[in-house]
């Protein structure tokens, strides 16, 4: 049993042969074609900078040596154990925290919803993409949390982008933990909100910024 989901470059001897493909098996992927062109053809002009080329070279190196852990195609449903290329791995990066993927009651509810509403909402929530299931879910969440209302997003990243850009503007200053999720930083940048980081879990560091 091997582990997957570790995104740092491994040390010598920790290479997983099962995620290393030959040149023939890897060249059918668009990214591999792009990386092949990138390495074989000199890039002139200013289409790509030195730092960007270095990142692409690193990706190419990790893929060529079997260290690339992203975009691994699962052969079965998500769970604590995943089958990749005929081998089993422990999954350490899943968002299925409650282990409810594949629960019979949830599967049945999803099938019933598809039968009634189809496989897509047909639009974004703001326009034609909201149906009664969204409203029902948000009402139940509001009751559970004891709030006047609730609004759901497809990911925590999108939620942070929406909330921070709605509550803050260029006249505000966001003080954030140095290890806060990148979505918070991206939200501040996209909304033009100035931000400063304090040391991780350090109240004194935060206090020093508050006193500035």
Foldseek 3Di string as FASTA:
>chain_A
DAAADDADQDDPPPADPLQADDPVVPVVDPLSVVLVCLVPPDDDDPPDDPVRSVVSVVCVVCNNRRNDRPPFDFPDDDAQWTAGNNDIHGYDDDPPVVRCVPPVVVVVVVVVCCVPCNDAQPDDPVPRRDDVVQVVVFVVVCVVVVHPTGHDDPDPLVVLLVVPLVPDALVAEAEEAPPDDVSNVVSCVVRNHHYDYFYHPDVVRVVVVVVD
